[in-house]
Amino acid sequence: MGKIIVNEKFCKGCALCVETCSLGLIRIARHITPEGYHPAELVDPEGKCTGCTLCALICPDVAIEVYRQRKKGAA
């Protein structure tokens, strides 16, 4: 299980991450940041994010951090 955090200070809402997420878990938010952009946001109520990092790799503004939860019993 994974999750992402979008740093709204850097995200310009280009939507490359939205297009890259094969599970469709990222969307462009309705609110506007102080910088004047609609940032990306994770929409994952069922916890389907795998933490694959594709969204972070495609982000030209390095605005996405990916976190993965370790499996129980993993070192």
PDB file of N, CA and C in Angstrom:
ATOM      1  N   MET A   1       0.845  -1.180   0.000  1.00  0.00           N
ATOM      2  CA  MET A   1       0.000   0.000   0.000  1.00  0.00           C
ATOM      3  C   MET A   1       0.890   1.243   0.000  1.00  0.00           C
ATOM      4  N   GLY A   2       0.499   2.213  -0.768  1.00  0.00           N
ATOM      5  CA  GLY A   2       1.273   3.443  -0.850  1.00  0.00           C
ATOM      6  C   GLY A   2       0.389   4.664  -0.733  1.00  0.00           C
ATOM      7  N   LYS A   3       1.030   5.799  -0.710  1.00  0.00           N
ATOM      8  CA  LYS A   3       0.292   7.065  -0.749  1.00  0.00           C
ATOM      9  C   LYS A   3       1.241   8.134  -1.269  1.00  0.00           C
ATOM     10  N   ILE A   4       0.666   9.190  -1.791  1.00  0.00           N
ATOM     11  CA  ILE A   4       1.479  10.298  -2.279  1.00  0.00           C
ATOM     12  C   ILE A   4       1.083  11.569  -1.555  1.00  0.00           C
ATOM     13  N   ILE A   5       2.035  12.466  -1.483  1.00  0.00           N
ATOM     14  CA  ILE A   5       1.774  13.807  -0.968  1.00  0.00           C
ATOM     15  C   ILE A   5       2.238  14.781  -2.039  1.00  0.00           C
ATOM     16  N   VAL A   6       1.326  15.643  -2.446  1.00  0.00           N
ATOM     17  CA  VAL A   6       1.633  16.652  -3.457  1.00  0.00           C
ATOM     18  C   VAL A   6       1.958  17.954  -2.739  1.00  0.00           C
ATOM     19  N   ASN A   7       3.128  18.485  -2.985  1.00  0.00           N
ATOM     20  CA  ASN A   7       3.518  19.770  -2.408  1.00  0.00           C
ATOM     21  C   ASN A   7       2.888  20.861  -3.273  1.00  0.00           C
ATOM     22  N   GLU A   8       1.827  21.453  -2.761  1.00  0.00           N
ATOM     23  CA  GLU A   8       1.071  22.446  -3.528  1.00  0.00           C
ATOM     24  C   GLU A   8       1.879  23.701  -3.827  1.00  0.00           C
ATOM     25  N   LYS A   9       2.934  23.928  -3.090  1.00  0.00           N
ATOM     26  CA  LYS A   9       3.785  25.091  -3.346  1.00  0.00           C
ATOM     27  C   LYS A   9       4.490  24.955  -4.696  1.00  0.00           C
ATOM     28  N   PHE A  10       4.768  23.714  -5.107  1.00  0.00           N
ATOM     29  CA  PHE A  10       5.498  23.473  -6.354  1.00  0.00           C
ATOM     30  C   PHE A  10       4.625  22.997  -7.505  1.00  0.00           C
ATOM     31  N   CYS A  11       3.487  22.369  -7.211  1.00  0.00           N
ATOM     32  CA  CYS A  11       2.633  21.801  -8.257  1.00  0.00           C
ATOM     33  C   CYS A  11       1.957  22.903  -9.077  1.00  0.00           C
ATOM     34  N   LYS A  12       2.079  22.788 -10.389  1.00  0.00           N
ATOM     35  CA  LYS A  12       1.466  23.762 -11.295  1.00  0.00           C
ATOM     36  C   LYS A  12       0.254  23.192 -12.022  1.00  0.00           C
ATOM     37  N   GLY A  13      -0.173  21.995 -11.632  1.00  0.00           N
ATOM     38  CA  GLY A  13      -1.384  21.418 -12.204  1.00  0.00           C
ATOM     39  C   GLY A  13      -1.256  21.000 -13.649  1.00  0.00           C
ATOM     40  N   CYS A  14      -0.099  20.551 -14.057  1.00  0.00           N
ATOM     41  CA  CYS A  14       0.114  20.160 -15.465  1.00  0.00           C
ATOM     42  C   CYS A  14      -0.631  18.882 -15.838  1.00  0.00           C
ATOM     43  N   ALA A  15      -1.017  18.078 -14.852  1.00  0.00           N
ATOM     44  CA  ALA A  15      -1.803  16.848 -15.017  1.00  0.00           C
ATOM     45  C   ALA A  15      -1.025  15.681 -15.628  1.00  0.00           C
ATOM     46  N   LEU A  16       0.278  15.774 -15.716  1.00  0.00           N
ATOM     47  CA  LEU A  16       1.050  14.626 -16.208  1.00  0.00           C
ATOM     48  C   LEU A  16       0.887  13.437 -15.257  1.00  0.00           C
ATOM     49  N   CYS A  17       0.843  13.698 -13.977  1.00  0.00           N
ATOM     50  CA  CYS A  17       0.662  12.622 -12.999  1.00  0.00           C
ATOM     51  C   CYS A  17      -0.716  11.978 -13.127  1.00  0.00           C
ATOM     52  N   VAL A  18      -1.713  12.788 -13.447  1.00  0.00           N
ATOM     53  CA  VAL A  18      -3.069  12.281 -13.624  1.00  0.00           C
ATOM     54  C   VAL A  18      -3.087  11.280 -14.769  1.00  0.00           C
ATOM     55  N   GLU A  19      -2.446  11.638 -15.866  1.00  0.00           N
ATOM     56  CA  GLU A  19      -2.400  10.771 -17.038  1.00  0.00           C
ATOM     57  C   GLU A  19      -1.546   9.528 -16.794  1.00  0.00           C
ATOM     58  N   THR A  20      -0.545   9.639 -15.936  1.00  0.00           N
ATOM     59  CA  THR A  20       0.386   8.543 -15.690  1.00  0.00           C
ATOM     60  C   THR A  20      -0.169   7.492 -14.734  1.00  0.00           C
ATOM     61  N   CYS A  21      -1.028   7.876 -13.820  1.00  0.00           N
ATOM     62  CA  CYS A  21      -1.551   6.940 -12.820  1.00  0.00           C
ATOM     63  C   CYS A  21      -2.493   5.931 -13.488  1.00  0.00           C
ATOM     64  N   SER A  22      -2.035   4.699 -13.588  1.00  0.00           N
ATOM     65  CA  SER A  22      -2.827   3.668 -14.267  1.00  0.00           C
ATOM     66  C   SER A  22      -4.088   3.292 -13.489  1.00  0.00           C
ATOM     67  N   LEU A  23      -4.125   3.607 -12.207  1.00  0.00           N
ATOM     68  CA  LEU A  23      -5.292   3.298 -11.390  1.00  0.00           C
ATOM     69  C   LEU A  23      -6.280   4.456 -11.309  1.00  0.00           C
ATOM     70  N   GLY A  24      -5.925   5.603 -11.891  1.00  0.00           N
ATOM     71  CA  GLY A  24      -6.820   6.763 -11.892  1.00  0.00           C
ATOM     72  C   GLY A  24      -7.046   7.352 -10.515  1.00  0.00           C
ATOM     73  N   LEU A  25      -6.004   7.371  -9.695  1.00  0.00           N
ATOM     74  CA  LEU A  25      -6.135   7.818  -8.311  1.00  0.00           C
ATOM     75  C   LEU A  25      -5.733   9.271  -8.090  1.00  0.00           C
ATOM     76  N   ILE A  26      -5.327   9.947  -9.146  1.00  0.00           N
ATOM     77  CA  ILE A  26      -4.907  11.350  -9.010  1.00  0.00           C
ATOM     78  C   ILE A  26      -5.813  12.209  -9.886  1.00  0.00           C
ATOM     79  N   ARG A  27      -6.210  13.341  -9.348  1.00  0.00           N
ATOM     80  CA  ARG A  27      -7.029  14.288 -10.115  1.00  0.00           C
ATOM     81  C   ARG A  27      -6.521  15.694  -9.851  1.00  0.00           C
ATOM     82  N   ILE A  28      -7.009  16.625 -10.639  1.00  0.00           N
ATOM     83  CA  ILE A  28      -6.693  18.038 -10.425  1.00  0.00           C
ATOM     84  C   ILE A  28      -7.749  18.596  -9.476  1.00  0.00           C
ATOM     85  N   ALA A  29      -7.282  19.237  -8.420  1.00  0.00           N
ATOM     86  CA  ALA A  29      -8.175  19.762  -7.380  1.00  0.00           C
ATOM     87  C   ALA A  29      -8.978  20.956  -7.888  1.00  0.00           C
ATOM     88  N   ARG A  30     -10.062  21.222  -7.226  1.00  0.00           N
ATOM     89  CA  ARG A  30     -10.892  22.385  -7.576  1.00  0.00           C
ATOM     90  C   ARG A  30     -10.351  23.673  -6.984  1.00  0.00           C
ATOM     91  N   HIS A  31      -9.677  23.561  -5.825  1.00  0.00           N
ATOM     92  CA  HIS A  31      -9.189  24.783  -5.182  1.00  0.00           C
ATOM     93  C   HIS A  31      -7.945  25.316  -5.892  1.00  0.00           C
ATOM     94  N   ILE A  32      -7.676  26.573  -5.663  1.00  0.00           N
ATOM     95  CA  ILE A  32      -6.526  27.251  -6.278  1.00  0.00           C
ATOM     96  C   ILE A  32      -5.515  27.579  -5.187  1.00  0.00           C
ATOM     97  N   THR A  33      -4.260  27.317  -5.488  1.00  0.00           N
ATOM     98  CA  THR A  33      -3.179  27.604  -4.535  1.00  0.00           C
ATOM     99  C   THR A  33      -2.874  29.099  -4.535  1.00  0.00           C
ATOM    100  N   PRO A  34      -2.133  29.576  -3.540  1.00  0.00           N
ATOM    101  CA  PRO A  34      -1.730  30.993  -3.530  1.00  0.00           C
ATOM    102  C   PRO A  34      -0.918  31.378  -4.775  1.00  0.00           C
ATOM    103  N   GLU A  35      -0.292  30.370  -5.399  1.00  0.00           N
ATOM    104  CA  GLU A  35       0.482  30.625  -6.619  1.00  0.00           C
ATOM    105  C   GLU A  35      -0.414  30.727  -7.850  1.00  0.00           C
ATOM    106  N   GLY A  36      -1.703  30.395  -7.706  1.00  0.00           N
ATOM    107  CA  GLY A  36      -2.661  30.533  -8.796  1.00  0.00           C
ATOM    108  C   GLY A  36      -2.888  29.282  -9.629  1.00  0.00           C
ATOM    109  N   TYR A  37      -2.578  28.118  -9.097  1.00  0.00           N
ATOM    110  CA  TYR A  37      -2.731  26.861  -9.838  1.00  0.00           C
ATOM    111  C   TYR A  37      -3.723  25.931  -9.154  1.00  0.00           C
ATOM    112  N   HIS A  38      -4.308  25.055  -9.938  1.00  0.00           N
ATOM    113  CA  HIS A  38      -5.102  23.954  -9.412  1.00  0.00           C
ATOM    114  C   HIS A  38      -4.138  22.779  -9.265  1.00  0.00           C
ATOM    115  N   PRO A  39      -3.782  22.380  -8.045  1.00  0.00           N
ATOM    116  CA  PRO A  39      -2.793  21.319  -7.870  1.00  0.00           C
ATOM    117  C   PRO A  39      -3.394  19.925  -8.052  1.00  0.00           C
ATOM    118  N   ALA A  40      -2.536  18.960  -8.197  1.00  0.00           N
ATOM    119  CA  ALA A  40      -2.966  17.564  -8.234  1.00  0.00           C
ATOM    120  C   ALA A  40      -3.269  17.113  -6.811  1.00  0.00           C
ATOM    121  N   GLU A  41      -4.113  16.095  -6.694  1.00  0.00           N
ATOM    122  CA  GLU A  41      -4.409  15.531  -5.386  1.00  0.00           C
ATOM    123  C   GLU A  41      -4.704  14.046  -5.525  1.00  0.00           C
ATOM    124  N   LEU A  42      -4.380  13.303  -4.492  1.00  0.00           N
ATOM    125  CA  LEU A  42      -4.654  11.876  -4.452  1.00  0.00           C
ATOM    126  C   LEU A  42      -6.098  11.653  -4.031  1.00  0.00           C
ATOM    127  N   VAL A  43      -6.797  10.790  -4.760  1.00  0.00           N
ATOM    128  CA  VAL A  43      -8.159  10.412  -4.426  1.00  0.00           C
ATOM    129  C   VAL A  43      -8.155   8.889  -4.318  1.00  0.00           C
ATOM    130  N   ASP A  44      -7.946   8.408  -3.097  1.00  0.00           N
ATOM    131  CA  ASP A  44      -7.752   6.978  -2.898  1.00  0.00           C
ATOM    132  C   ASP A  44      -8.418   6.500  -1.610  1.00  0.00           C
ATOM    133  N   PRO A  45      -9.741   6.569  -1.529  1.00  0.00           N
ATOM    134  CA  PRO A  45     -10.414   6.182  -0.292  1.00  0.00           C
ATOM    135  C   PRO A  45     -10.289   4.693   0.041  1.00  0.00           C
ATOM    136  N   GLU A  46     -10.030   3.875  -0.961  1.00  0.00           N
ATOM    137  CA  GLU A  46      -9.936   2.432  -0.735  1.00  0.00           C
ATOM    138  C   GLU A  46      -8.498   1.950  -0.547  1.00  0.00           C
ATOM    139  N   GLY A  47      -7.530   2.855  -0.596  1.00  0.00           N
ATOM    140  CA  GLY A  47      -6.139   2.477  -0.398  1.00  0.00           C
ATOM    141  C   GLY A  47      -5.554   1.630  -1.516  1.00  0.00           C
ATOM    142  N   LYS A  48      -5.893   1.951  -2.757  1.00  0.00           N
ATOM    143  CA  LYS A  48      -5.420   1.172  -3.903  1.00  0.00           C
ATOM    144  C   LYS A  48      -4.043   1.580  -4.413  1.00  0.00           C
ATOM    145  N   CYS A  49      -3.533   2.724  -3.978  1.00  0.00           N
ATOM    146  CA  CYS A  49      -2.227   3.188  -4.446  1.00  0.00           C
ATOM    147  C   CYS A  49      -1.163   2.156  -4.083  1.00  0.00           C
ATOM    148  N   THR A  50      -0.344   1.799  -5.065  1.00  0.00           N
ATOM    149  CA  THR A  50       0.696   0.798  -4.851  1.00  0.00           C
ATOM    150  C   THR A  50       2.039   1.426  -4.507  1.00  0.00           C
ATOM    151  N   GLY A  51       2.140   2.739  -4.662  1.00  0.00           N
ATOM    152  CA  GLY A  51       3.421   3.406  -4.419  1.00  0.00           C
ATOM    153  C   GLY A  51       4.407   3.153  -5.537  1.00  0.00           C
ATOM    154  N   CYS A  52       3.927   3.031  -6.753  1.00  0.00           N
ATOM    155  CA  CYS A  52       4.773   2.679  -7.902  1.00  0.00           C
ATOM    156  C   CYS A  52       5.776   3.769  -8.278  1.00  0.00           C
ATOM    157  N   THR A  53       5.555   4.986  -7.882  1.00  0.00           N
ATOM    158  CA  THR A  53       6.399   6.173  -8.097  1.00  0.00           C
ATOM    159  C   THR A  53       6.323   6.770  -9.502  1.00  0.00           C
ATOM    160  N   LEU A  54       5.494   6.241 -10.383  1.00  0.00           N
ATOM    161  CA  LEU A  54       5.423   6.795 -11.738  1.00  0.00           C
ATOM    162  C   LEU A  54       5.003   8.260 -11.728  1.00  0.00           C
ATOM    163  N   CYS A  55       4.090   8.622 -10.852  1.00  0.00           N
ATOM    164  CA  CYS A  55       3.634  10.012 -10.785  1.00  0.00           C
ATOM    165  C   CYS A  55       4.772  10.939 -10.374  1.00  0.00           C
ATOM    166  N   ALA A  56       5.559  10.512  -9.408  1.00  0.00           N
ATOM    167  CA  ALA A  56       6.687  11.332  -8.949  1.00  0.00           C
ATOM    168  C   ALA A  56       7.763  11.435 -10.016  1.00  0.00           C
ATOM    169  N   LEU A  57       7.988  10.357 -10.746  1.00  0.00           N
ATOM    170  CA  LEU A  57       9.011  10.364 -11.792  1.00  0.00           C
ATOM    171  C   LEU A  57       8.641  11.275 -12.959  1.00  0.00           C
ATOM    172  N   ILE A  58       7.360  11.356 -13.282  1.00  0.00           N
ATOM    173  CA  ILE A  58       6.910  12.163 -14.428  1.00  0.00           C
ATOM    174  C   ILE A  58       6.762  13.641 -14.072  1.00  0.00           C
ATOM    175  N   CYS A  59       6.677  13.962 -12.781  1.00  0.00           N
ATOM    176  CA  CYS A  59       6.418  15.341 -12.349  1.00  0.00           C
ATOM    177  C   CYS A  59       7.603  16.265 -12.672  1.00  0.00           C
ATOM    178  N   PRO A  60       7.405  17.245 -13.548  1.00  0.00           N
ATOM    179  CA  PRO A  60       8.505  18.139 -13.917  1.00  0.00           C
ATOM    180  C   PRO A  60       8.888  19.126 -12.814  1.00  0.00           C
ATOM    181  N   ASP A  61       8.012  19.284 -11.827  1.00  0.00           N
ATOM    182  CA  ASP A  61       8.266  20.233 -10.745  1.00  0.00           C
ATOM    183  C   ASP A  61       8.710  19.561  -9.448  1.00  0.00           C
ATOM    184  N   VAL A  62       8.902  18.249  -9.486  1.00  0.00           N
ATOM    185  CA  VAL A  62       9.316  17.461  -8.312  1.00  0.00           C
ATOM    186  C   VAL A  62       8.421  17.791  -7.120  1.00  0.00           C
ATOM    187  N   ALA A  63       7.125  17.777  -7.361  1.00  0.00           N
ATOM    188  CA  ALA A  63       6.153  18.178  -6.346  1.00  0.00           C
ATOM    189  C   ALA A  63       5.497  16.991  -5.642  1.00  0.00           C
ATOM    190  N   ILE A  64       5.874  15.759  -5.997  1.00  0.00           N
ATOM    191  CA  ILE A  64       5.209  14.580  -5.442  1.00  0.00           C
ATOM    192  C   ILE A  64       6.189  13.721  -4.656  1.00  0.00           C
ATOM    193  N   GLU A  65       5.792  13.401  -3.437  1.00  0.00           N
ATOM    194  CA  GLU A  65       6.545  12.460  -2.609  1.00  0.00           C
ATOM    195  C   GLU A  65       5.718  11.188  -2.494  1.00  0.00           C
ATOM    196  N   VAL A  66       6.358  10.042  -2.639  1.00  0.00           N
ATOM    197  CA  VAL A  66       5.671   8.759  -2.572  1.00  0.00           C
ATOM    198  C   VAL A  66       6.110   8.027  -1.306  1.00  0.00           C
ATOM    199  N   TYR A  67       5.151   7.466  -0.621  1.00  0.00           N
ATOM    200  CA  TYR A  67       5.423   6.697   0.585  1.00  0.00           C
ATOM    201  C   TYR A  67       4.821   5.306   0.424  1.00  0.00           C
ATOM    202  N   ARG A  68       5.573   4.305   0.844  1.00  0.00           N
ATOM    203  CA  ARG A  68       5.095   2.927   0.812  1.00  0.00           C
ATOM    204  C   ARG A  68       5.080   2.370   2.226  1.00  0.00           C
ATOM    205  N   GLN A  69       4.048   1.614   2.516  1.00  0.00           N
ATOM    206  CA  GLN A  69       3.974   0.965   3.811  1.00  0.00           C
ATOM    207  C   GLN A  69       4.668  -0.388   3.687  1.00  0.00           C
ATOM    208  N   ARG A  70       5.558  -0.672   4.625  1.00  0.00           N
ATOM    209  CA  ARG A  70       6.256  -1.952   4.597  1.00  0.00           C
ATOM    210  C   ARG A  70       5.295  -3.088   4.917  1.00  0.00           C
ATOM    211  N   LYS A  71       5.539  -4.217   4.271  1.00  0.00           N
ATOM    212  CA  LYS A  71       4.755  -5.400   4.580  1.00  0.00           C
ATOM    213  C   LYS A  71       5.151  -5.905   5.959  1.00  0.00           C
ATOM    214  N   LYS A  72       4.206  -6.440   6.659  1.00  0.00           N
ATOM    215  CA  LYS A  72       4.488  -6.973   7.992  1.00  0.00           C
ATOM    216  C   LYS A  72       5.475  -8.126   7.864  1.00  0.00           C
ATOM    217  N   GLY A  73       6.484  -8.121   8.722  1.00  0.00           N
ATOM    218  CA  GLY A  73       7.495  -9.159   8.704  1.00  0.00           C
ATOM    219  C   GLY A  73       8.671  -8.851   7.806  1.00  0.00           C
ATOM    220  N   ALA A  74       8.606  -7.765   7.023  1.00  0.00           N
ATOM    221  CA  ALA A  74       9.709  -7.380   6.141  1.00  0.00           C
ATOM    222  C   ALA A  74      10.762  -6.647   6.956  1.00  0.00           C
ATOM    223  N   ALA A  75      12.001  -6.914   6.638  1.00  0.00           N
ATOM    224  CA  ALA A  75      13.110  -6.278   7.382  1.00  0.00           C
ATOM    225  C   ALA A  75      13.369  -4.876   6.931  1.00  0.00           C
TER     226      ALA A  75
END
